PDB file of N, CA and C in Angstrom:
ATOM      1  N   MET A   1     -15.398   4.941 -32.240  1.00  0.00           N
ATOM      2  CA  MET A   1     -15.406   5.274 -30.825  1.00  0.00           C
ATOM      3  C   MET A   1     -14.013   5.134 -30.239  1.00  0.00           C
ATOM      4  N   GLY A   2     -13.695   6.022 -29.310  1.00  0.00           N
ATOM      5  CA  GLY A   2     -12.399   5.960 -28.650  1.00  0.00           C
ATOM      6  C   GLY A   2     -12.395   4.933 -27.529  1.00  0.00           C
ATOM      7  N   ARG A   3     -11.201   4.584 -27.116  1.00  0.00           N
ATOM      8  CA  ARG A   3     -11.066   3.635 -26.018  1.00  0.00           C
ATOM      9  C   ARG A   3     -11.245   4.349 -24.688  1.00  0.00           C
ATOM     10  N   THR A   4     -11.865   3.677 -23.782  1.00  0.00           N
ATOM     11  CA  THR A   4     -12.044   4.213 -22.442  1.00  0.00           C
ATOM     12  C   THR A   4     -10.861   3.787 -21.582  1.00  0.00           C
ATOM     13  N   VAL A   5     -10.291   4.718 -20.876  1.00  0.00           N
ATOM     14  CA  VAL A   5      -9.171   4.419 -19.992  1.00  0.00           C
ATOM     15  C   VAL A   5      -9.727   3.821 -18.702  1.00  0.00           C
ATOM     16  N   ARG A   6      -9.142   2.718 -18.308  1.00  0.00           N
ATOM     17  CA  ARG A   6      -9.550   2.045 -17.069  1.00  0.00           C
ATOM     18  C   ARG A   6      -9.254   2.946 -15.877  1.00  0.00           C
ATOM     19  N   THR A   7     -10.152   2.980 -14.907  1.00  0.00           N
ATOM     20  CA  THR A   7      -9.919   3.786 -13.713  1.00  0.00           C
ATOM     21  C   THR A   7      -8.849   3.130 -12.857  1.00  0.00           C
ATOM     22  N   TYR A   8      -8.237   3.934 -12.031  1.00  0.00           N
ATOM     23  CA  TYR A   8      -7.198   3.434 -11.127  1.00  0.00           C
ATOM     24  C   TYR A   8      -7.760   2.351 -10.212  1.00  0.00           C
ATOM     25  N   ARG A   9      -8.930   2.610  -9.653  1.00  0.00           N
ATOM     26  CA  ARG A   9      -9.528   1.624  -8.736  1.00  0.00           C
ATOM     27  C   ARG A   9      -9.820   0.302  -9.442  1.00  0.00           C
ATOM     28  N   ASP A  10     -10.288   0.372 -10.675  1.00  0.00           N
ATOM     29  CA  ASP A  10     -10.514  -0.856 -11.439  1.00  0.00           C
ATOM     30  C   ASP A  10      -9.198  -1.582 -11.699  1.00  0.00           C
ATOM     31  N   ALA A  11      -8.162  -0.824 -12.024  1.00  0.00           N
ATOM     32  CA  ALA A  11      -6.862  -1.430 -12.292  1.00  0.00           C
ATOM     33  C   ALA A  11      -6.318  -2.125 -11.047  1.00  0.00           C
ATOM     34  N   VAL A  12      -6.496  -1.502  -9.878  1.00  0.00           N
ATOM     35  CA  VAL A  12      -6.057  -2.126  -8.626  1.00  0.00           C
ATOM     36  C   VAL A  12      -6.840  -3.408  -8.384  1.00  0.00           C
ATOM     37  N   ARG A  13      -8.139  -3.355  -8.596  1.00  0.00           N
ATOM     38  CA  ARG A  13      -8.978  -4.539  -8.402  1.00  0.00           C
ATOM     39  C   ARG A  13      -8.554  -5.676  -9.332  1.00  0.00           C
ATOM     40  N   ILE A  14      -8.279  -5.353 -10.576  1.00  0.00           N
ATOM     41  CA  ILE A  14      -7.855  -6.368 -11.545  1.00  0.00           C
ATOM     42  C   ILE A  14      -6.501  -6.948 -11.156  1.00  0.00           C
ATOM     43  N   GLU A  15      -5.586  -6.082 -10.732  1.00  0.00           N
ATOM     44  CA  GLU A  15      -4.257  -6.561 -10.323  1.00  0.00           C
ATOM     45  C   GLU A  15      -4.360  -7.455  -9.093  1.00  0.00           C
ATOM     46  N   GLU A  16      -5.213  -7.075  -8.160  1.00  0.00           N
ATOM     47  CA  GLU A  16      -5.412  -7.895  -6.956  1.00  0.00           C
ATOM     48  C   GLU A  16      -5.958  -9.270  -7.346  1.00  0.00           C
ATOM     49  N   ALA A  17      -6.875  -9.304  -8.269  1.00  0.00           N
ATOM     50  CA  ALA A  17      -7.436 -10.587  -8.738  1.00  0.00           C
ATOM     51  C   ALA A  17      -6.364 -11.421  -9.438  1.00  0.00           C
ATOM     52  N   ARG A  18      -5.458 -10.760 -10.138  1.00  0.00           N
ATOM     53  CA  ARG A  18      -4.378 -11.479 -10.824  1.00  0.00           C
ATOM     54  C   ARG A  18      -3.465 -12.205  -9.846  1.00  0.00           C
ATOM     55  N   TRP A  19      -3.346 -11.669  -8.642  1.00  0.00           N
ATOM     56  CA  TRP A  19      -2.490 -12.246  -7.609  1.00  0.00           C
ATOM     57  C   TRP A  19      -3.255 -13.199  -6.685  1.00  0.00           C
ATOM     58  N   LYS A  20      -4.484 -13.523  -7.023  1.00  0.00           N
ATOM     59  CA  LYS A  20      -5.361 -14.341  -6.184  1.00  0.00           C
ATOM     60  C   LYS A  20      -4.729 -15.687  -5.814  1.00  0.00           C
ATOM     61  N   ASP A  21      -4.170 -16.402  -6.778  1.00  0.00           N
ATOM     62  CA  ASP A  21      -3.576 -17.713  -6.503  1.00  0.00           C
ATOM     63  C   ASP A  21      -2.367 -17.601  -5.580  1.00  0.00           C
ATOM     64  N   PHE A  22      -1.570 -16.576  -5.789  1.00  0.00           N
ATOM     65  CA  PHE A  22      -0.424 -16.334  -4.911  1.00  0.00           C
ATOM     66  C   PHE A  22      -0.905 -16.107  -3.483  1.00  0.00           C
ATOM     67  N   ARG A  23      -1.916 -15.249  -3.328  1.00  0.00           N
ATOM     68  CA  ARG A  23      -2.459 -14.934  -2.012  1.00  0.00           C
ATOM     69  C   ARG A  23      -2.984 -16.176  -1.313  1.00  0.00           C
ATOM     70  N   ARG A  24      -3.647 -17.034  -2.067  1.00  0.00           N
ATOM     71  CA  ARG A  24      -4.252 -18.231  -1.494  1.00  0.00           C
ATOM     72  C   ARG A  24      -3.209 -19.143  -0.847  1.00  0.00           C
ATOM     73  N   THR A  25      -1.971 -19.143  -1.344  1.00  0.00           N
ATOM     74  CA  THR A  25      -0.936 -20.031  -0.804  1.00  0.00           C
ATOM     75  C   THR A  25      -0.242 -19.462   0.430  1.00  0.00           C
ATOM     76  N   LEU A  26      -0.528 -18.209   0.755  1.00  0.00           N
ATOM     77  CA  LEU A  26       0.105 -17.585   1.912  1.00  0.00           C
ATOM     78  C   LEU A  26      -0.537 -18.046   3.219  1.00  0.00           C
ATOM     79  N   ARG A  27       0.231 -17.950   4.294  1.00  0.00           N
ATOM     80  CA  ARG A  27      -0.330 -18.197   5.632  1.00  0.00           C
ATOM     81  C   ARG A  27      -1.295 -17.057   5.962  1.00  0.00           C
ATOM     82  N   PRO A  28      -2.224 -17.300   6.889  1.00  0.00           N
ATOM     83  CA  PRO A  28      -3.202 -16.239   7.222  1.00  0.00           C
ATOM     84  C   PRO A  28      -2.558 -14.905   7.604  1.00  0.00           C
ATOM     85  N   SER A  29      -1.489 -14.924   8.399  1.00  0.00           N
ATOM     86  CA  SER A  29      -0.844 -13.659   8.782  1.00  0.00           C
ATOM     87  C   SER A  29      -0.219 -12.985   7.567  1.00  0.00           C
ATOM     88  N   GLN A  30       0.304 -13.778   6.651  1.00  0.00           N
ATOM     89  CA  GLN A  30       0.881 -13.218   5.435  1.00  0.00           C
ATOM     90  C   GLN A  30      -0.217 -12.666   4.517  1.00  0.00           C
ATOM     91  N   ARG A  31      -1.369 -13.343   4.515  1.00  0.00           N
ATOM     92  CA  ARG A  31      -2.498 -12.856   3.710  1.00  0.00           C
ATOM     93  C   ARG A  31      -2.926 -11.475   4.182  1.00  0.00           C
ATOM     94  N   ASN A  32      -2.936 -11.303   5.502  1.00  0.00           N
ATOM     95  CA  ASN A  32      -3.310  -9.987   6.044  1.00  0.00           C
ATOM     96  C   ASN A  32      -2.349  -8.910   5.556  1.00  0.00           C
ATOM     97  N   ARG A  33      -1.061  -9.222   5.548  1.00  0.00           N
ATOM     98  CA  ARG A  33      -0.077  -8.259   5.065  1.00  0.00           C
ATOM     99  C   ARG A  33      -0.257  -8.004   3.572  1.00  0.00           C
ATOM    100  N   PHE A  34      -0.504  -9.072   2.832  1.00  0.00           N
ATOM    101  CA  PHE A  34      -0.747  -8.946   1.399  1.00  0.00           C
ATOM    102  C   PHE A  34      -1.946  -8.030   1.151  1.00  0.00           C
ATOM    103  N   ASP A  35      -3.015  -8.257   1.888  1.00  0.00           N
ATOM    104  CA  ASP A  35      -4.221  -7.435   1.729  1.00  0.00           C
ATOM    105  C   ASP A  35      -3.941  -5.970   2.065  1.00  0.00           C
ATOM    106  N   ARG A  36      -3.069  -5.749   3.026  1.00  0.00           N
ATOM    107  CA  ARG A  36      -2.731  -4.380   3.409  1.00  0.00           C
ATOM    108  C   ARG A  36      -2.055  -3.629   2.269  1.00  0.00           C
ATOM    109  N   ILE A  37      -1.278  -4.352   1.451  1.00  0.00           N
ATOM    110  CA  ILE A  37      -0.628  -3.708   0.302  1.00  0.00           C
ATOM    111  C   ILE A  37      -1.682  -3.096  -0.612  1.00  0.00           C
ATOM    112  N   PHE A  38      -2.718  -3.863  -0.898  1.00  0.00           N
ATOM    113  CA  PHE A  38      -3.765  -3.354  -1.785  1.00  0.00           C
ATOM    114  C   PHE A  38      -4.630  -2.316  -1.082  1.00  0.00           C
ATOM    115  N   ASP A  39      -4.777  -2.434   0.234  1.00  0.00           N
ATOM    116  CA  ASP A  39      -5.476  -1.389   0.986  1.00  0.00           C
ATOM    117  C   ASP A  39      -4.721  -0.069   0.881  1.00  0.00           C
ATOM    118  N   CYS A  40      -3.387  -0.153   0.963  1.00  0.00           N
ATOM    119  CA  CYS A  40      -2.560   1.048   0.816  1.00  0.00           C
ATOM    120  C   CYS A  40      -2.754   1.654  -0.563  1.00  0.00           C
ATOM    121  N   ALA A  41      -2.784   0.807  -1.566  1.00  0.00           N
ATOM    122  CA  ALA A  41      -2.959   1.291  -2.941  1.00  0.00           C
ATOM    123  C   ALA A  41      -4.283   2.031  -3.080  1.00  0.00           C
ATOM    124  N   ARG A  42      -5.320   1.488  -2.473  1.00  0.00           N
ATOM    125  CA  ARG A  42      -6.618   2.166  -2.533  1.00  0.00           C
ATOM    126  C   ARG A  42      -6.582   3.473  -1.745  1.00  0.00           C
ATOM    127  N   GLY A  43      -5.799   3.503  -0.677  1.00  0.00           N
ATOM    128  CA  GLY A  43      -5.668   4.713   0.137  1.00  0.00           C
ATOM    129  C   GLY A  43      -4.940   5.839  -0.578  1.00  0.00           C
ATOM    130  N   PHE A  44      -4.130   5.491  -1.555  1.00  0.00           N
ATOM    131  CA  PHE A  44      -3.397   6.482  -2.331  1.00  0.00           C
ATOM    132  C   PHE A  44      -4.032   6.660  -3.711  1.00  0.00           C
ATOM    133  N   ALA A  45      -5.319   6.425  -3.816  1.00  0.00           N
ATOM    134  CA  ALA A  45      -6.014   6.464  -5.107  1.00  0.00           C
ATOM    135  C   ALA A  45      -5.903   7.820  -5.788  1.00  0.00           C
ATOM    136  N   ASP A  46      -5.946   8.906  -5.017  1.00  0.00           N
ATOM    137  CA  ASP A  46      -5.845  10.232  -5.631  1.00  0.00           C
ATOM    138  C   ASP A  46      -4.518  10.389  -6.369  1.00  0.00           C
ATOM    139  N   ALA A  47      -3.428  10.004  -5.715  1.00  0.00           N
ATOM    140  CA  ALA A  47      -2.110  10.100  -6.346  1.00  0.00           C
ATOM    141  C   ALA A  47      -1.977   9.063  -7.454  1.00  0.00           C
ATOM    142  N   GLY A  48      -2.484   7.872  -7.220  1.00  0.00           N
ATOM    143  CA  GLY A  48      -2.388   6.806  -8.212  1.00  0.00           C
ATOM    144  C   GLY A  48      -3.099   7.143  -9.501  1.00  0.00           C
ATOM    145  N   THR A  49      -4.177   7.869  -9.384  1.00  0.00           N
ATOM    146  CA  THR A  49      -4.935   8.273 -10.567  1.00  0.00           C
ATOM    147  C   THR A  49      -4.105   9.181 -11.467  1.00  0.00           C
ATOM    148  N   MET A  50      -3.183   9.921 -10.881  1.00  0.00           N
ATOM    149  CA  MET A  50      -2.359  10.847 -11.649  1.00  0.00           C
ATOM    150  C   MET A  50      -1.261  10.135 -12.432  1.00  0.00           C
ATOM    151  N   MET A  51      -0.975   8.891 -12.090  1.00  0.00           N
ATOM    152  CA  MET A  51       0.059   8.127 -12.790  1.00  0.00           C
ATOM    153  C   MET A  51      -0.548   7.427 -13.990  1.00  0.00           C
ATOM    154  N   VAL A  52      -0.090   7.780 -15.142  1.00  0.00           N
ATOM    155  CA  VAL A  52      -0.555   7.106 -16.346  1.00  0.00           C
ATOM    156  C   VAL A  52       0.520   6.072 -16.688  1.00  0.00           C
ATOM    157  N   THR A  53       0.281   4.849 -16.248  1.00  0.00           N
ATOM    158  CA  THR A  53       1.266   3.789 -16.460  1.00  0.00           C
ATOM    159  C   THR A  53       0.563   2.468 -16.723  1.00  0.00           C
ATOM    160  N   PRO A  54       1.083   1.699 -17.641  1.00  0.00           N
ATOM    161  CA  PRO A  54       0.489   0.375 -17.856  1.00  0.00           C
ATOM    162  C   PRO A  54       0.908  -0.617 -16.776  1.00  0.00           C
ATOM    163  N   ARG A  55       1.840  -0.223 -15.918  1.00  0.00           N
ATOM    164  CA  ARG A  55       2.329  -1.115 -14.862  1.00  0.00           C
ATOM    165  C   ARG A  55       1.766  -0.669 -13.518  1.00  0.00           C
ATOM    166  N   ILE A  56       0.530  -0.987 -13.310  1.00  0.00           N
ATOM    167  CA  ILE A  56      -0.165  -0.549 -12.092  1.00  0.00           C
ATOM    168  C   ILE A  56       0.492  -1.118 -10.841  1.00  0.00           C
ATOM    169  N   ILE A  57       1.147  -2.269 -10.952  1.00  0.00           N
ATOM    170  CA  ILE A  57       1.779  -2.875  -9.786  1.00  0.00           C
ATOM    171  C   ILE A  57       2.840  -1.948  -9.201  1.00  0.00           C
ATOM    172  N   GLU A  58       3.493  -1.140 -10.044  1.00  0.00           N
ATOM    173  CA  GLU A  58       4.475  -0.182  -9.536  1.00  0.00           C
ATOM    174  C   GLU A  58       3.815   0.829  -8.603  1.00  0.00           C
ATOM    175  N   VAL A  59       2.674   1.324  -9.000  1.00  0.00           N
ATOM    176  CA  VAL A  59       1.958   2.302  -8.184  1.00  0.00           C
ATOM    177  C   VAL A  59       1.470   1.640  -6.897  1.00  0.00           C
ATOM    178  N   ILE A  60       0.985   0.401  -7.000  1.00  0.00           N
ATOM    179  CA  ILE A  60       0.506  -0.335  -5.831  1.00  0.00           C
ATOM    180  C   ILE A  60       1.638  -0.521  -4.824  1.00  0.00           C
ATOM    181  N   LEU A  61       2.782  -0.989  -5.301  1.00  0.00           N
ATOM    182  CA  LEU A  61       3.907  -1.243  -4.400  1.00  0.00           C
ATOM    183  C   LEU A  61       4.475   0.047  -3.826  1.00  0.00           C
ATOM    184  N   LEU A  62       4.545   1.100  -4.625  1.00  0.00           N
ATOM    185  CA  LEU A  62       5.027   2.375  -4.115  1.00  0.00           C
ATOM    186  C   LEU A  62       4.070   2.923  -3.053  1.00  0.00           C
ATOM    187  N   SER A  63       2.792   2.745  -3.250  1.00  0.00           N
ATOM    188  CA  SER A  63       1.813   3.155  -2.233  1.00  0.00           C
ATOM    189  C   SER A  63       2.063   2.421  -0.924  1.00  0.00           C
ATOM    190  N   ALA A  64       2.340   1.120  -1.010  1.00  0.00           N
ATOM    191  CA  ALA A  64       2.618   0.334   0.192  1.00  0.00           C
ATOM    192  C   ALA A  64       3.892   0.817   0.874  1.00  0.00           C
ATOM    193  N   VAL A  65       4.920   1.118   0.084  1.00  0.00           N
ATOM    194  CA  VAL A  65       6.173   1.619   0.654  1.00  0.00           C
ATOM    195  C   VAL A  65       5.938   2.949   1.363  1.00  0.00           C
ATOM    196  N   LEU A  66       5.182   3.836   0.753  1.00  0.00           N
ATOM    197  CA  LEU A  66       4.885   5.118   1.388  1.00  0.00           C
ATOM    198  C   LEU A  66       4.146   4.930   2.708  1.00  0.00           C
ATOM    199  N   GLU A  67       3.204   4.006   2.730  1.00  0.00           N
ATOM    200  CA  GLU A  67       2.465   3.728   3.962  1.00  0.00           C
ATOM    201  C   GLU A  67       3.396   3.167   5.031  1.00  0.00           C
ATOM    202  N   ILE A  68       4.258   2.250   4.649  1.00  0.00           N
ATOM    203  CA  ILE A  68       5.214   1.661   5.593  1.00  0.00           C
ATOM    204  C   ILE A  68       6.141   2.732   6.152  1.00  0.00           C
ATOM    205  N   LEU A  69       6.627   3.621   5.293  1.00  0.00           N
ATOM    206  CA  LEU A  69       7.497   4.693   5.762  1.00  0.00           C
ATOM    207  C   LEU A  69       6.767   5.622   6.722  1.00  0.00           C
ATOM    208  N   GLY A  70       5.500   5.886   6.454  1.00  0.00           N
ATOM    209  CA  GLY A  70       4.708   6.706   7.376  1.00  0.00           C
ATOM    210  C   GLY A  70       4.568   6.039   8.735  1.00  0.00           C
ATOM    211  N   GLU A  71       4.322   4.735   8.726  1.00  0.00           N
ATOM    212  CA  GLU A  71       4.222   3.992   9.981  1.00  0.00           C
ATOM    213  C   GLU A  71       5.570   3.978  10.706  1.00  0.00           C
ATOM    214  N   LEU A  72       6.650   3.817   9.978  1.00  0.00           N
ATOM    215  CA  LEU A  72       7.985   3.828  10.572  1.00  0.00           C
ATOM    216  C   LEU A  72       8.283   5.182  11.199  1.00  0.00           C
ATOM    217  N   ASP A  73       7.941   6.257  10.510  1.00  0.00           N
ATOM    218  CA  ASP A  73       8.133   7.603  11.071  1.00  0.00           C
ATOM    219  C   ASP A  73       7.371   7.759  12.380  1.00  0.00           C
ATOM    220  N   GLU A  74       6.143   7.265  12.420  1.00  0.00           N
ATOM    221  CA  GLU A  74       5.330   7.362  13.638  1.00  0.00           C
ATOM    222  C   GLU A  74       5.949   6.544  14.766  1.00  0.00           C
ATOM    223  N   ILE A  75       6.432   5.372  14.472  1.00  0.00           N
ATOM    224  CA  ILE A  75       7.084   4.535  15.496  1.00  0.00           C
ATOM    225  C   ILE A  75       8.333   5.237  16.017  1.00  0.00           C
ATOM    226  N   GLN A  76       9.139   5.793  15.118  1.00  0.00           N
ATOM    227  CA  GLN A  76      10.343   6.502  15.538  1.00  0.00           C
ATOM    228  C   GLN A  76      10.003   7.703  16.416  1.00  0.00           C
ATOM    229  N   ARG A  77       8.946   8.414  16.063  1.00  0.00           N
ATOM    230  CA  ARG A  77       8.526   9.562  16.867  1.00  0.00           C
ATOM    231  C   ARG A  77       8.125   9.120  18.268  1.00  0.00           C
ATOM    232  N   ARG A  78       7.370   8.022  18.334  1.00  0.00           N
ATOM    233  CA  ARG A  78       6.919   7.514  19.628  1.00  0.00           C
ATOM    234  C   ARG A  78       8.088   7.017  20.473  1.00  0.00           C
ATOM    235  N   VAL A  79       9.052   6.373  19.859  1.00  0.00           N
ATOM    236  CA  VAL A  79      10.239   5.910  20.587  1.00  0.00           C
ATOM    237  C   VAL A  79      11.008   7.108  21.124  1.00  0.00           C
ATOM    238  N   GLN A  80      11.148   8.149  20.315  1.00  0.00           N
ATOM    239  CA  GLN A  80      11.856   9.346  20.749  1.00  0.00           C
ATOM    240  C   GLN A  80      11.168   9.976  21.961  1.00  0.00           C
ATOM    241  N   VAL A  81       9.846  10.055  21.935  1.00  0.00           N
ATOM    242  CA  VAL A  81       9.094  10.608  23.067  1.00  0.00           C
ATOM    243  C   VAL A  81       9.340   9.764  24.311  1.00  0.00           C
ATOM    244  N   LEU A  82       9.291   8.447  24.167  1.00  0.00           N
ATOM    245  CA  LEU A  82       9.525   7.562  25.313  1.00  0.00           C
ATOM    246  C   LEU A  82      10.954   7.690  25.832  1.00  0.00           C
ATOM    247  N   GLU A  83      11.928   7.809  24.947  1.00  0.00           N
ATOM    248  CA  GLU A  83      13.320   7.978  25.365  1.00  0.00           C
ATOM    249  C   GLU A  83      13.505   9.278  26.117  1.00  0.00           C
ATOM    250  N   GLU A  84      12.845  10.329  25.659  1.00  0.00           N
ATOM    251  CA  GLU A  84      12.932  11.615  26.340  1.00  0.00           C
ATOM    252  C   GLU A  84      12.325  11.528  27.735  1.00  0.00           C
ATOM    253  N   LYS A  85      11.233  10.810  27.882  1.00  0.00           N
ATOM    254  CA  LYS A  85      10.605  10.633  29.199  1.00  0.00           C
ATOM    255  C   LYS A  85      11.532   9.881  30.133  1.00  0.00           C
ATOM    256  N   ILE A  86      12.193   8.868  29.604  1.00  0.00           N
ATOM    257  CA  ILE A  86      13.129   8.078  30.415  1.00  0.00           C
ATOM    258  C   ILE A  86      14.312   8.923  30.825  1.00  0.00           C
ATOM    259  N   ASP A  87      14.863   9.711  29.902  1.00  0.00           N
ATOM    260  CA  ASP A  87      16.032  10.548  30.187  1.00  0.00           C
ATOM    261  C   ASP A  87      15.707  11.640  31.201  1.00  0.00           C
ATOM    262  N   ASN A  88      14.466  12.101  31.262  1.00  0.00           N
ATOM    263  CA  ASN A  88      14.071  13.187  32.160  1.00  0.00           C
ATOM    264  C   ASN A  88      13.748  12.718  33.569  1.00  0.00           C
ATOM    265  N   LYS A  89      13.745  11.422  33.796  1.00  0.00           N
ATOM    266  CA  LYS A  89      13.432  10.919  35.146  1.00  0.00           C
ATOM    267  C   LYS A  89      14.609  10.911  36.040  1.00  0.00           C
TER     268      LYS A  89
END
């Protein structure tokens, strides 16, 4: 019988469990941020599934970076809109 390849979602779950002790030592606000990293990874599951890598943490962290950049772009857009409103007064 051939080996079954672990699904991306299973790999994320296993990696999250591997970091359990680290997470436990964080402050509550830091835990929320830590959890968001894995939430981002799950949010990018379609793209993550396409990566065939034994280092799932790379995909998890890159997913978090992409999410952060998206949030930063949105903040910059909102600041620009507010600056334009101020300049037009």
